[in-house]
Amino acid sequence: MKIGVLGGTFDPVHRGHIMMAEKARDTLELSEVLLVPAGQPMLKVNNRITSAEHRLAMLRQAVAGRHDLKVSAVEIERPGPTYTVDTIAGLIERYGGRDEIYFILGWDSLEQLPEWREPARLISLCFLAAVPRPGWSRPDLKALEADVPGISERVVFLEKPQVDISASAIREMVAGGKSIDHLVPVPVADYIKEHKLYT
């Protein structure tokens, strides 16, 4: 099987996340895409994020009834800071090491990959499916190759979707009493209202 992995804080999950997962699924012919909410993201260690319980519940609401998109709590269940390389290694172990893993990330994150923990080990464990981000040009693989040798053979560039939806903007809209129904799946909007998140 070919399995996609899309990580993030998902605070909240929005239509852009779902579109990224679906486009990667279709383009790379993935059997399924795992949506993996971060426990304590290392790059956001000083930022306040909504409890894992709420973020996980919103994700499950967003993909309820789907067989192609699934939620994995692997990072939330693991204590301490979250590192992608550990997550991918754990998923490979969980799946028995027989499947191809495609880690889905934005062009902005790919640009920053040399700063991540053990980038060389990460690309030895999985392929990278790089999705465009508004305001970011396609990363220069030659420059990345200098820092992470072999990365050129492990990256697949996707040209779509061009999604300009920001979770922080959604939180601000909720706080300002504005509707977010067009930005998040309906069950997620209902969950946010019910639990008075971001107000």
N, C-alpha and C. Protein backbone atom coordinates (compact mmCIF):
# COMPACT_ATOMS: atom_id res chain seq x y z
N MET A 1 0.83 -1.19 0.00
CA MET A 1 0.00 0.00 0.00
C MET A 1 0.87 1.25 0.00
N LYS A 2 0.33 2.31 -0.57
CA LYS A 2 0.96 3.63 -0.52
C LYS A 2 0.11 4.48 0.42
N ILE A 3 0.74 4.95 1.48
CA ILE A 3 0.01 5.67 2.53
C ILE A 3 0.52 7.10 2.64
N GLY A 4 -0.40 8.06 2.64
CA GLY A 4 -0.04 9.45 2.85
C GLY A 4 -0.15 9.80 4.32
N VAL A 5 0.68 10.72 4.76
CA VAL A 5 0.65 11.21 6.14
C VAL A 5 0.65 12.73 6.09
N LEU A 6 -0.40 13.32 6.65
CA LEU A 6 -0.50 14.78 6.71
C LEU A 6 -0.55 15.19 8.17
N GLY A 7 0.51 15.82 8.63
CA GLY A 7 0.57 16.24 10.02
C GLY A 7 0.24 17.72 10.17
N GLY A 8 0.00 18.13 11.39
CA GLY A 8 -0.27 19.54 11.66
C GLY A 8 -0.90 19.71 13.02
N THR A 9 -1.03 20.96 13.44
CA THR A 9 -1.73 21.19 14.71
C THR A 9 -3.23 21.03 14.52
N PHE A 10 -3.73 21.33 13.32
CA PHE A 10 -5.17 21.23 13.03
C PHE A 10 -5.97 21.97 14.10
N ASP A 11 -5.69 23.26 14.19
CA ASP A 11 -6.29 24.07 15.26
C ASP A 11 -7.01 25.29 14.69
N PRO A 12 -8.13 25.08 13.95
CA PRO A 12 -8.83 23.81 13.70
C PRO A 12 -8.48 23.23 12.34
N VAL A 13 -8.90 21.98 12.12
CA VAL A 13 -8.83 21.41 10.78
C VAL A 13 -9.75 22.23 9.87
N HIS A 14 -9.32 22.50 8.63
CA HIS A 14 -10.15 23.29 7.72
C HIS A 14 -10.19 22.64 6.33
N ARG A 15 -10.97 23.25 5.44
CA ARG A 15 -11.16 22.67 4.12
C ARG A 15 -9.85 22.56 3.33
N GLY A 16 -8.92 23.45 3.61
CA GLY A 16 -7.62 23.39 2.94
C GLY A 16 -6.86 22.11 3.27
N HIS A 17 -6.91 21.70 4.54
CA HIS A 17 -6.27 20.44 4.94
C HIS A 17 -6.88 19.27 4.18
N ILE A 18 -8.21 19.25 4.10
CA ILE A 18 -8.91 18.16 3.43
C ILE A 18 -8.55 18.15 1.94
N MET A 19 -8.51 19.32 1.33
CA MET A 19 -8.15 19.42 -0.09
C MET A 19 -6.73 18.92 -0.35
N MET A 20 -5.80 19.26 0.54
CA MET A 20 -4.42 18.78 0.40
C MET A 20 -4.37 17.26 0.44
N ALA A 21 -5.08 16.69 1.41
CA ALA A 21 -5.09 15.23 1.56
C ALA A 21 -5.70 14.57 0.32
N GLU A 22 -6.81 15.13 -0.18
CA GLU A 22 -7.49 14.54 -1.33
C GLU A 22 -6.65 14.66 -2.60
N LYS A 23 -6.00 15.80 -2.79
CA LYS A 23 -5.18 15.99 -3.99
C LYS A 23 -3.99 15.04 -3.97
N ALA A 24 -3.34 14.90 -2.83
CA ALA A 24 -2.22 13.96 -2.71
C ALA A 24 -2.69 12.54 -2.96
N ARG A 25 -3.84 12.19 -2.40
CA ARG A 25 -4.41 10.85 -2.60
C ARG A 25 -4.61 10.56 -4.08
N ASP A 26 -5.22 11.52 -4.79
CA ASP A 26 -5.52 11.31 -6.21
C ASP A 26 -4.26 11.30 -7.07
N THR A 27 -3.37 12.26 -6.85
CA THR A 27 -2.18 12.40 -7.68
C THR A 27 -1.21 11.23 -7.50
N LEU A 28 -1.03 10.81 -6.26
CA LEU A 28 -0.05 9.75 -5.95
C LEU A 28 -0.68 8.36 -5.86
N GLU A 29 -2.01 8.31 -6.09
CA GLU A 29 -2.74 7.04 -6.03
C GLU A 29 -2.52 6.34 -4.68
N LEU A 30 -2.75 7.11 -3.62
CA LEU A 30 -2.57 6.59 -2.27
C LEU A 30 -3.77 5.75 -1.84
N SER A 31 -3.50 4.72 -1.08
CA SER A 31 -4.59 3.88 -0.55
C SER A 31 -5.39 4.64 0.50
N GLU A 32 -4.69 5.44 1.30
CA GLU A 32 -5.34 6.23 2.33
C GLU A 32 -4.40 7.33 2.77
N VAL A 33 -4.96 8.33 3.41
CA VAL A 33 -4.16 9.41 3.99
C VAL A 33 -4.47 9.47 5.48
N LEU A 34 -3.43 9.43 6.29
CA LEU A 34 -3.56 9.57 7.74
C LEU A 34 -3.40 11.04 8.12
N LEU A 35 -4.35 11.57 8.83
CA LEU A 35 -4.25 12.93 9.37
C LEU A 35 -3.75 12.80 10.80
N VAL A 36 -2.60 13.39 11.07
CA VAL A 36 -1.92 13.18 12.36
C VAL A 36 -1.80 14.50 13.12
N PRO A 37 -2.69 14.74 14.08
CA PRO A 37 -2.58 15.96 14.87
C PRO A 37 -1.37 15.91 15.81
N ALA A 38 -0.67 17.02 15.89
CA ALA A 38 0.53 17.08 16.72
C ALA A 38 0.17 17.09 18.20
N GLY A 39 1.03 16.47 18.99
CA GLY A 39 0.89 16.54 20.44
C GLY A 39 1.40 17.90 20.89
N GLN A 40 2.71 18.02 21.05
CA GLN A 40 3.35 19.31 21.34
C GLN A 40 4.34 19.58 20.22
N PRO A 41 3.92 20.32 19.17
CA PRO A 41 4.83 20.57 18.05
C PRO A 41 6.07 21.31 18.49
N MET A 42 7.24 20.79 18.10
CA MET A 42 8.50 21.37 18.54
C MET A 42 8.65 22.82 18.08
N LEU A 43 8.19 23.12 16.85
CA LEU A 43 8.35 24.47 16.33
C LEU A 43 7.34 25.45 16.92
N LYS A 44 6.38 24.94 17.68
CA LYS A 44 5.38 25.82 18.30
C LYS A 44 5.37 25.64 19.81
N VAL A 45 6.55 25.30 20.34
CA VAL A 45 6.63 24.92 21.75
C VAL A 45 6.21 26.04 22.69
N ASN A 46 6.36 27.31 22.26
CA ASN A 46 5.99 28.42 23.13
C ASN A 46 4.61 28.99 22.80
N ASN A 47 3.94 28.41 21.82
CA ASN A 47 2.62 28.90 21.43
C ASN A 47 1.53 28.12 22.15
N ARG A 48 0.45 28.82 22.43
CA ARG A 48 -0.69 28.17 23.07
C ARG A 48 -1.57 27.55 22.00
N ILE A 49 -1.79 26.24 22.10
CA ILE A 49 -2.67 25.59 21.14
C ILE A 49 -3.81 24.91 21.89
N THR A 50 -4.91 24.71 21.17
CA THR A 50 -6.09 24.09 21.77
C THR A 50 -5.75 22.67 22.21
N SER A 51 -6.44 22.20 23.23
CA SER A 51 -6.15 20.87 23.77
C SER A 51 -6.23 19.80 22.68
N ALA A 52 -5.40 18.78 22.85
CA ALA A 52 -5.37 17.67 21.90
C ALA A 52 -6.73 17.01 21.78
N GLU A 53 -7.44 16.95 22.87
CA GLU A 53 -8.77 16.32 22.89
C GLU A 53 -9.71 16.99 21.88
N HIS A 54 -9.75 18.32 21.88
CA HIS A 54 -10.62 19.05 20.96
C HIS A 54 -10.13 18.94 19.52
N ARG A 55 -8.83 19.07 19.30
CA ARG A 55 -8.30 19.01 17.94
C ARG A 55 -8.53 17.63 17.32
N LEU A 56 -8.38 16.60 18.14
CA LEU A 56 -8.62 15.22 17.68
C LEU A 56 -10.10 15.01 17.37
N ALA A 57 -10.96 15.52 18.23
CA ALA A 57 -12.40 15.37 18.02
C ALA A 57 -12.84 16.07 16.74
N MET A 58 -12.31 17.27 16.49
CA MET A 58 -12.68 18.00 15.27
C MET A 58 -12.23 17.24 14.02
N LEU A 59 -11.03 16.68 14.07
CA LEU A 59 -10.53 15.90 12.93
C LEU A 59 -11.42 14.70 12.66
N ARG A 60 -11.78 14.00 13.72
CA ARG A 60 -12.64 12.82 13.56
C ARG A 60 -14.00 13.20 12.99
N GLN A 61 -14.52 14.34 13.39
CA GLN A 61 -15.78 14.82 12.84
C GLN A 61 -15.62 15.13 11.35
N ALA A 62 -14.49 15.71 10.99
CA ALA A 62 -14.27 16.15 9.60
C ALA A 62 -14.21 14.98 8.62
N VAL A 63 -13.73 13.81 9.08
CA VAL A 63 -13.54 12.68 8.15
C VAL A 63 -14.47 11.50 8.48
N ALA A 64 -15.44 11.74 9.33
CA ALA A 64 -16.36 10.65 9.73
C ALA A 64 -17.00 10.01 8.50
N GLY A 65 -16.99 8.67 8.48
CA GLY A 65 -17.62 7.93 7.40
C GLY A 65 -16.77 7.74 6.17
N ARG A 66 -15.54 8.26 6.17
CA ARG A 66 -14.67 8.12 5.00
C ARG A 66 -13.68 6.99 5.21
N HIS A 67 -13.39 6.25 4.16
CA HIS A 67 -12.40 5.17 4.26
C HIS A 67 -11.03 5.60 3.75
N ASP A 68 -10.99 6.70 2.98
CA ASP A 68 -9.73 7.15 2.38
C ASP A 68 -8.96 8.12 3.26
N LEU A 69 -9.65 8.78 4.18
CA LEU A 69 -9.01 9.70 5.13
C LEU A 69 -9.23 9.18 6.54
N LYS A 70 -8.14 8.98 7.27
CA LYS A 70 -8.23 8.44 8.63
C LYS A 70 -7.44 9.32 9.58
N VAL A 71 -7.78 9.23 10.84
CA VAL A 71 -7.10 10.02 11.87
C VAL A 71 -6.23 9.10 12.71
N SER A 72 -4.99 9.53 12.95
CA SER A 72 -4.09 8.78 13.83
C SER A 72 -3.68 9.67 15.00
N ALA A 73 -3.81 9.15 16.20
CA ALA A 73 -3.45 9.91 17.41
C ALA A 73 -2.04 9.57 17.88
N VAL A 74 -1.21 9.04 16.99
CA VAL A 74 0.12 8.55 17.38
C VAL A 74 0.96 9.63 18.05
N GLU A 75 0.89 10.87 17.57
CA GLU A 75 1.71 11.94 18.17
C GLU A 75 1.15 12.41 19.50
N ILE A 76 -0.16 12.41 19.61
CA ILE A 76 -0.79 12.82 20.86
C ILE A 76 -0.52 11.80 21.96
N GLU A 77 -0.50 10.53 21.58
CA GLU A 77 -0.27 9.45 22.55
C GLU A 77 1.18 9.41 23.03
N ARG A 78 2.09 9.98 22.24
CA ARG A 78 3.51 9.96 22.63
C ARG A 78 3.84 11.21 23.43
N PRO A 79 4.37 11.08 24.65
CA PRO A 79 4.66 12.26 25.47
C PRO A 79 5.86 13.04 24.93
N GLY A 80 5.91 14.30 25.32
CA GLY A 80 7.05 15.14 24.95
C GLY A 80 6.87 15.81 23.61
N PRO A 81 7.91 16.55 23.17
CA PRO A 81 7.84 17.28 21.89
C PRO A 81 7.65 16.33 20.70
N THR A 82 7.02 16.84 19.66
CA THR A 82 6.71 16.06 18.47
C THR A 82 7.76 16.27 17.39
N TYR A 83 8.32 15.18 16.89
CA TYR A 83 9.25 15.23 15.77
C TYR A 83 8.73 14.32 14.66
N THR A 84 8.70 14.85 13.44
CA THR A 84 8.16 14.10 12.30
C THR A 84 8.90 12.79 12.09
N VAL A 85 10.21 12.81 12.23
CA VAL A 85 10.99 11.60 11.96
C VAL A 85 10.57 10.46 12.90
N ASP A 86 10.27 10.78 14.15
CA ASP A 86 9.82 9.76 15.10
C ASP A 86 8.44 9.24 14.74
N THR A 87 7.59 10.15 14.28
CA THR A 87 6.23 9.76 13.88
C THR A 87 6.27 8.79 12.70
N ILE A 88 7.05 9.13 11.68
CA ILE A 88 7.14 8.27 10.49
C ILE A 88 7.73 6.91 10.87
N ALA A 89 8.77 6.91 11.69
CA ALA A 89 9.38 5.64 12.13
C ALA A 89 8.36 4.80 12.89
N GLY A 90 7.56 5.45 13.73
CA GLY A 90 6.54 4.73 14.49
C GLY A 90 5.46 4.16 13.60
N LEU A 91 5.06 4.91 12.57
CA LEU A 91 4.03 4.43 11.65
C LEU A 91 4.54 3.26 10.82
N ILE A 92 5.80 3.32 10.41
CA ILE A 92 6.39 2.21 9.65
C ILE A 92 6.38 0.94 10.49
N GLU A 93 6.74 1.11 11.76
CA GLU A 93 6.74 -0.04 12.67
C GLU A 93 5.32 -0.58 12.85
N ARG A 94 4.35 0.33 13.00
CA ARG A 94 2.97 -0.06 13.21
C ARG A 94 2.39 -0.79 11.99
N TYR A 95 2.79 -0.34 10.80
CA TYR A 95 2.27 -0.95 9.58
C TYR A 95 3.11 -2.14 9.10
N GLY A 96 4.17 -2.44 9.81
CA GLY A 96 4.97 -3.61 9.46
C GLY A 96 6.05 -3.37 8.44
N GLY A 97 6.26 -2.10 8.04
CA GLY A 97 7.37 -1.77 7.15
C GLY A 97 7.19 -2.20 5.71
N ARG A 98 6.00 -2.61 5.33
CA ARG A 98 5.80 -3.12 3.97
C ARG A 98 5.26 -2.05 3.02
N ASP A 99 4.88 -0.90 3.53
CA ASP A 99 4.19 0.09 2.72
C ASP A 99 5.09 1.29 2.40
N GLU A 100 4.77 1.98 1.31
CA GLU A 100 5.44 3.23 0.97
C GLU A 100 4.72 4.36 1.69
N ILE A 101 5.49 5.20 2.38
CA ILE A 101 4.92 6.32 3.11
C ILE A 101 5.26 7.62 2.37
N TYR A 102 4.24 8.46 2.18
CA TYR A 102 4.43 9.78 1.57
C TYR A 102 4.03 10.83 2.61
N PHE A 103 5.01 11.59 3.08
CA PHE A 103 4.73 12.65 4.04
C PHE A 103 4.36 13.91 3.27
N ILE A 104 3.15 14.41 3.49
CA ILE A 104 2.62 15.56 2.76
C ILE A 104 2.96 16.83 3.52
N LEU A 105 3.61 17.77 2.84
CA LEU A 105 4.00 19.02 3.48
C LEU A 105 3.93 20.16 2.49
N GLY A 106 3.86 21.38 2.97
CA GLY A 106 3.82 22.56 2.11
C GLY A 106 5.21 22.91 1.59
N TRP A 107 5.23 23.68 0.51
CA TRP A 107 6.51 24.14 -0.02
C TRP A 107 7.29 24.91 1.03
N ASP A 108 6.60 25.64 1.90
CA ASP A 108 7.28 26.40 2.95
C ASP A 108 7.99 25.46 3.93
N SER A 109 7.33 24.36 4.29
CA SER A 109 7.94 23.40 5.21
C SER A 109 9.11 22.66 4.56
N LEU A 110 8.98 22.36 3.27
CA LEU A 110 10.09 21.70 2.57
C LEU A 110 11.32 22.60 2.57
N GLU A 111 11.11 23.90 2.38
CA GLU A 111 12.21 24.86 2.40
C GLU A 111 12.95 24.82 3.74
N GLN A 112 12.21 24.56 4.83
CA GLN A 112 12.80 24.57 6.17
C GLN A 112 13.28 23.19 6.63
N LEU A 113 13.15 22.19 5.76
CA LEU A 113 13.46 20.81 6.17
C LEU A 113 14.87 20.63 6.76
N PRO A 114 15.90 21.31 6.23
CA PRO A 114 17.23 21.13 6.83
C PRO A 114 17.29 21.46 8.32
N GLU A 115 16.33 22.28 8.80
CA GLU A 115 16.32 22.65 10.23
C GLU A 115 15.58 21.63 11.08
N TRP A 116 14.92 20.67 10.45
CA TRP A 116 14.16 19.67 11.19
C TRP A 116 15.10 18.66 11.84
N ARG A 117 14.55 17.88 12.74
CA ARG A 117 15.35 16.84 13.39
C ARG A 117 15.61 15.69 12.42
N GLU A 118 16.87 15.32 12.26
CA GLU A 118 17.31 14.19 11.45
C GLU A 118 16.67 14.15 10.06
N PRO A 119 16.86 15.21 9.26
CA PRO A 119 16.24 15.23 7.93
C PRO A 119 16.74 14.10 7.02
N ALA A 120 18.01 13.73 7.15
CA ALA A 120 18.54 12.65 6.31
C ALA A 120 17.85 11.32 6.64
N ARG A 121 17.61 11.08 7.91
CA ARG A 121 16.91 9.86 8.31
C ARG A 121 15.46 9.90 7.85
N LEU A 122 14.85 11.09 7.94
CA LEU A 122 13.46 11.23 7.52
C LEU A 122 13.29 10.83 6.05
N ILE A 123 14.15 11.35 5.17
CA ILE A 123 13.98 11.04 3.74
C ILE A 123 14.37 9.60 3.43
N SER A 124 15.08 8.95 4.35
CA SER A 124 15.37 7.53 4.14
C SER A 124 14.16 6.67 4.49
N LEU A 125 13.25 7.24 5.28
CA LEU A 125 12.08 6.49 5.74
C LEU A 125 10.85 6.69 4.86
N CYS A 126 10.78 7.85 4.19
CA CYS A 126 9.57 8.16 3.42
C CYS A 126 9.88 9.07 2.25
N PHE A 127 8.91 9.17 1.36
CA PHE A 127 8.94 10.17 0.30
C PHE A 127 8.27 11.44 0.82
N LEU A 128 8.56 12.57 0.19
CA LEU A 128 7.96 13.84 0.56
C LEU A 128 7.07 14.31 -0.59
N ALA A 129 5.82 14.57 -0.29
CA ALA A 129 4.88 15.10 -1.28
C ALA A 129 4.69 16.58 -0.98
N ALA A 130 5.28 17.43 -1.80
CA ALA A 130 5.31 18.87 -1.52
C ALA A 130 4.18 19.60 -2.24
N VAL A 131 3.36 20.30 -1.45
CA VAL A 131 2.16 20.97 -1.95
C VAL A 131 2.40 22.47 -1.95
N PRO A 132 1.96 23.18 -3.02
CA PRO A 132 2.19 24.63 -3.06
C PRO A 132 1.52 25.38 -1.93
N ARG A 133 2.15 26.49 -1.54
CA ARG A 133 1.59 27.37 -0.52
C ARG A 133 1.57 28.79 -1.08
N PRO A 134 0.46 29.51 -0.95
CA PRO A 134 0.41 30.88 -1.45
C PRO A 134 1.53 31.72 -0.87
N GLY A 135 2.19 32.48 -1.74
CA GLY A 135 3.27 33.34 -1.30
C GLY A 135 4.63 32.67 -1.26
N TRP A 136 4.69 31.38 -1.57
CA TRP A 136 5.96 30.66 -1.56
C TRP A 136 6.27 30.13 -2.96
N SER A 137 7.51 30.35 -3.40
CA SER A 137 7.91 29.79 -4.69
C SER A 137 8.39 28.35 -4.47
N ARG A 138 8.42 27.60 -5.53
CA ARG A 138 8.85 26.20 -5.46
C ARG A 138 10.28 26.12 -4.93
N PRO A 139 10.53 25.35 -3.89
CA PRO A 139 11.88 25.28 -3.31
C PRO A 139 12.92 24.79 -4.31
N ASP A 140 14.12 25.29 -4.15
CA ASP A 140 15.25 24.93 -5.01
C ASP A 140 15.85 23.62 -4.50
N LEU A 141 15.63 22.54 -5.24
CA LEU A 141 16.12 21.23 -4.80
C LEU A 141 17.64 21.17 -4.75
N LYS A 142 18.31 21.91 -5.64
CA LYS A 142 19.79 21.90 -5.63
C LYS A 142 20.31 22.47 -4.31
N ALA A 143 19.67 23.55 -3.86
CA ALA A 143 20.08 24.16 -2.59
C ALA A 143 19.79 23.21 -1.43
N LEU A 144 18.63 22.55 -1.47
CA LEU A 144 18.29 21.60 -0.41
C LEU A 144 19.23 20.40 -0.43
N GLU A 145 19.63 20.01 -1.62
CA GLU A 145 20.52 18.85 -1.77
C GLU A 145 21.85 19.08 -1.04
N ALA A 146 22.30 20.32 -1.01
CA ALA A 146 23.56 20.64 -0.34
C ALA A 146 23.47 20.35 1.16
N ASP A 147 22.27 20.57 1.73
CA ASP A 147 22.08 20.35 3.16
C ASP A 147 21.59 18.95 3.49
N VAL A 148 20.79 18.38 2.57
CA VAL A 148 20.21 17.04 2.80
C VAL A 148 20.47 16.20 1.55
N PRO A 149 21.66 15.62 1.43
CA PRO A 149 22.00 14.84 0.23
C PRO A 149 20.99 13.71 -0.01
N GLY A 150 20.57 13.59 -1.28
CA GLY A 150 19.64 12.54 -1.65
C GLY A 150 18.19 12.99 -1.67
N ILE A 151 17.93 14.22 -1.22
CA ILE A 151 16.53 14.67 -1.11
C ILE A 151 15.86 14.77 -2.48
N SER A 152 16.65 15.07 -3.53
CA SER A 152 16.08 15.22 -4.87
C SER A 152 15.34 13.96 -5.33
N GLU A 153 15.83 12.81 -4.88
CA GLU A 153 15.22 11.54 -5.29
C GLU A 153 13.99 11.19 -4.45
N ARG A 154 13.73 11.98 -3.42
CA ARG A 154 12.67 11.61 -2.47
C ARG A 154 11.51 12.59 -2.44
N VAL A 155 11.57 13.63 -3.30
CA VAL A 155 10.51 14.65 -3.31
C VAL A 155 9.66 14.52 -4.56
N VAL A 156 8.34 14.58 -4.35
CA VAL A 156 7.39 14.67 -5.46
C VAL A 156 6.68 16.00 -5.31
N PHE A 157 6.76 16.85 -6.34
CA PHE A 157 6.10 18.15 -6.28
C PHE A 157 4.67 18.03 -6.82
N LEU A 158 3.71 18.53 -6.06
CA LEU A 158 2.34 18.64 -6.52
C LEU A 158 2.11 20.10 -6.89
N GLU A 159 1.40 20.33 -7.97
CA GLU A 159 1.17 21.71 -8.42
C GLU A 159 -0.14 22.27 -7.86
N LYS A 160 -0.97 21.44 -7.30
CA LYS A 160 -2.23 21.85 -6.70
C LYS A 160 -2.43 21.05 -5.41
N PRO A 161 -3.31 21.49 -4.51
CA PRO A 161 -4.13 22.69 -4.61
C PRO A 161 -3.41 23.93 -4.10
N GLN A 162 -3.80 25.08 -4.60
CA GLN A 162 -3.31 26.36 -4.09
C GLN A 162 -4.33 26.82 -3.05
N VAL A 163 -4.08 26.49 -1.82
CA VAL A 163 -5.06 26.78 -0.76
C VAL A 163 -4.59 27.95 0.09
N ASP A 164 -5.46 28.95 0.19
CA ASP A 164 -5.11 30.12 1.01
C ASP A 164 -6.08 30.22 2.19
N ILE A 165 -6.00 29.21 3.05
CA ILE A 165 -6.83 29.20 4.27
C ILE A 165 -5.89 29.07 5.46
N SER A 166 -6.07 29.91 6.44
CA SER A 166 -5.20 29.93 7.60
C SER A 166 -5.99 29.61 8.86
N ALA A 167 -5.48 28.65 9.64
CA ALA A 167 -6.14 28.29 10.90
C ALA A 167 -6.15 29.48 11.86
N SER A 168 -5.07 30.26 11.87
CA SER A 168 -5.03 31.41 12.78
C SER A 168 -6.07 32.45 12.37
N ALA A 169 -6.29 32.63 11.06
CA ALA A 169 -7.31 33.56 10.59
C ALA A 169 -8.70 33.06 10.98
N ILE A 170 -8.89 31.75 10.92
CA ILE A 170 -10.18 31.17 11.32
C ILE A 170 -10.43 31.43 12.81
N ARG A 171 -9.41 31.25 13.62
CA ARG A 171 -9.57 31.50 15.06
C ARG A 171 -9.94 32.97 15.32
N GLU A 172 -9.31 33.88 14.58
CA GLU A 172 -9.60 35.30 14.73
C GLU A 172 -11.04 35.62 14.30
N MET A 173 -11.49 34.96 13.22
CA MET A 173 -12.85 35.17 12.75
C MET A 173 -13.87 34.72 13.78
N VAL A 174 -13.62 33.57 14.39
CA VAL A 174 -14.52 33.07 15.44
C VAL A 174 -14.56 34.05 16.60
N ALA A 175 -13.38 34.51 17.00
CA ALA A 175 -13.29 35.46 18.12
C ALA A 175 -14.04 36.75 17.81
N GLY A 176 -14.08 37.11 16.50
CA GLY A 176 -14.77 38.33 16.09
C GLY A 176 -16.23 38.12 15.75
N GLY A 177 -16.72 36.89 15.98
CA GLY A 177 -18.13 36.61 15.74
C GLY A 177 -18.50 36.42 14.28
N LYS A 178 -17.50 36.18 13.42
CA LYS A 178 -17.78 36.01 11.98
C LYS A 178 -18.01 34.54 11.65
N SER A 179 -18.74 34.29 10.58
CA SER A 179 -19.03 32.92 10.15
C SER A 179 -17.79 32.28 9.50
N ILE A 180 -17.57 31.01 9.84
CA ILE A 180 -16.46 30.26 9.23
C ILE A 180 -16.99 29.05 8.46
N ASP A 181 -18.29 29.03 8.21
CA ASP A 181 -18.92 27.87 7.60
C ASP A 181 -18.32 27.52 6.23
N HIS A 182 -17.81 28.53 5.52
CA HIS A 182 -17.23 28.29 4.19
C HIS A 182 -15.77 27.82 4.28
N LEU A 183 -15.20 27.84 5.46
CA LEU A 183 -13.77 27.51 5.62
C LEU A 183 -13.51 26.16 6.27
N VAL A 184 -14.47 25.66 7.01
CA VAL A 184 -14.29 24.38 7.71
C VAL A 184 -15.47 23.45 7.40
N PRO A 185 -15.28 22.13 7.50
CA PRO A 185 -16.41 21.22 7.33
C PRO A 185 -17.52 21.56 8.33
N VAL A 186 -18.77 21.36 7.91
CA VAL A 186 -19.92 21.72 8.75
C VAL A 186 -19.85 21.13 10.15
N PRO A 187 -19.51 19.82 10.31
CA PRO A 187 -19.44 19.27 11.68
C PRO A 187 -18.40 19.96 12.55
N VAL A 188 -17.33 20.47 11.92
CA VAL A 188 -16.28 21.17 12.67
C VAL A 188 -16.79 22.53 13.13
N ALA A 189 -17.49 23.23 12.26
CA ALA A 189 -18.09 24.52 12.65
C ALA A 189 -19.06 24.33 13.81
N ASP A 190 -19.85 23.27 13.73
CA ASP A 190 -20.81 22.98 14.81
C ASP A 190 -20.09 22.66 16.11
N TYR A 191 -19.00 21.90 16.02
CA TYR A 191 -18.23 21.52 17.21
C TYR A 191 -17.63 22.76 17.87
N ILE A 192 -17.10 23.66 17.06
CA ILE A 192 -16.49 24.88 17.59
C ILE A 192 -17.53 25.71 18.34
N LYS A 193 -18.73 25.81 17.75
CA LYS A 193 -19.81 26.57 18.42
C LYS A 193 -20.23 25.89 19.72
N GLU A 194 -20.41 24.58 19.65
CA GLU A 194 -20.89 23.84 20.82
C GLU A 194 -19.94 23.95 22.00
N HIS A 195 -18.64 23.89 21.70
CA HIS A 195 -17.64 23.90 22.78
C HIS A 195 -17.06 25.29 23.03
N LYS A 196 -17.59 26.29 22.32
CA LYS A 196 -17.18 27.68 22.51
C LYS A 196 -15.65 27.84 22.37
N LEU A 197 -15.10 27.21 21.36
CA LEU A 197 -13.68 27.33 21.11
C LEU A 197 -13.36 28.65 20.43
N TYR A 198 -12.20 29.20 20.70
CA TYR A 198 -11.64 30.39 20.06
C TYR A 198 -12.39 31.69 20.38
N THR A 199 -13.33 31.65 21.31
CA THR A 199 -14.07 32.88 21.62
C THR A 199 -13.32 33.70 22.67
